[in-house]
Amino acid sequence: MDLFIQYGIAAAIEAIEDSGWKATNELAANRTGIILGSGIGGLKMIEETSVKFHTENNGKVSPFFIPASLINLLAGHVSIQYGFTGPNHAAATACSTGAHAIGDAMRMIQYGNVDVMIAGGAEAPITPVGVAGFIAARALYTKYNSTPEIASRPWDQDRDGFVMGEGAAVVVLEEYEHAIARDAKIYGEIVGYGSTGDAYHITSPHPDGKGAYRAMVEALNDAQINAYHIDYINAHGTSTPIGDVIELLAVQKLFLDANPKILMSSTKSSTGHLLGATGSMELIFSLLAIQDQVAPPTLNLHNCIEEAEIDLVPLEARKTIINYALSNSFGFGGTNASLVVKRI
């Protein structure tokens, strides 16, 4: 199976074991579902199979090639391994995948279709073709190839593209009373979800940040809170010249007057950009920020851009009070997702 599926299975196992959830009867299995996705899917498997198809295998491929590459097979493997027979879905919305998977899973619980959902994203894009494609799109920062730890620098004047990462992040979502009844370990409550489209460009965000702004507003409305309630924002913040500014201005338009002391940072400065896994990973970072009452830092932010009027938590983590956090994820094709999490 492709590496992204391996990453995703490993993350799902960790999440499910951490949750303590076991579907011990048919009803419990039927009410446990899965939404696990990927922005690209089995790129490594497809690339390597294509090369061998033309050079070594005389036009033959493995009968497992297709199921080893499909995006939805991550959810399929987890479903089979644990016997979860509820909804079995995959999300594929570029860099918003993980956030959309979690938001849509939350909706299924709210609608009463299920009690438990396994949700998140996985990605393994670091292949010759994957890297070459993003370089050709001028999305990657190549100036610091020998020192990648300082290459991801959101909102820094020297930023010029993102650093590619890979991996997986998965959470277990559970209906609140259901979780309380079994004394589950709860990290926080997902209370808001916004999902919008830019309808503007295949790779660039809308120059006015309309889609990002609306996603955040929808998430706040869904949570039934106001802008001043948000204490910390985990930004999409990829370290690109255009995207960083557009997100920053959209955030400041919505939050600056309501809460001038709001904190925002980009954990991609630490992890790189995991594409389809980044939204779920950053939702986890937001939950941990609430649990530990610490805003994670924006590393490598030495010379902040002039447009910044809010605190971007440069260089060092910050102890603070966080009752509500918002996590943003935006992707190619103009796809946007925002999630609000609450301290319990």
Foldseek 3Di string as FASTA:
>chain_A
DAPQLVLLVVQLVVQCVQFVDAQPDDVQLQQEEEEEFEQQWRPVLVVVQVVCCPPPDVNDDDPCSVLNTDGQNSLVVNCVVRVRNYYRHYAHFWQCRFQVFVVVVVVCVVVVSHFKYKGFYFFDQPDPVSVVVCVVVQAADDPVVVPLLQQFFFQAPPFAHWDEFGGAHIHMDGDDVVSVVVVTDDLFAWQFKFKFFQPPAQFDADQQLVRQLRGVVRRCVSNVHALLQFQEEAEQRRRHPRVRLNNQVSNCVRRCVSHVAHEYEYCCSVGIRHINRVQNVVVVVVSVCQVQQKAAERENRDHGDPSDRHHHRYDGIDRHHGAKYKYWTAGGRGIIMMIIIGDD
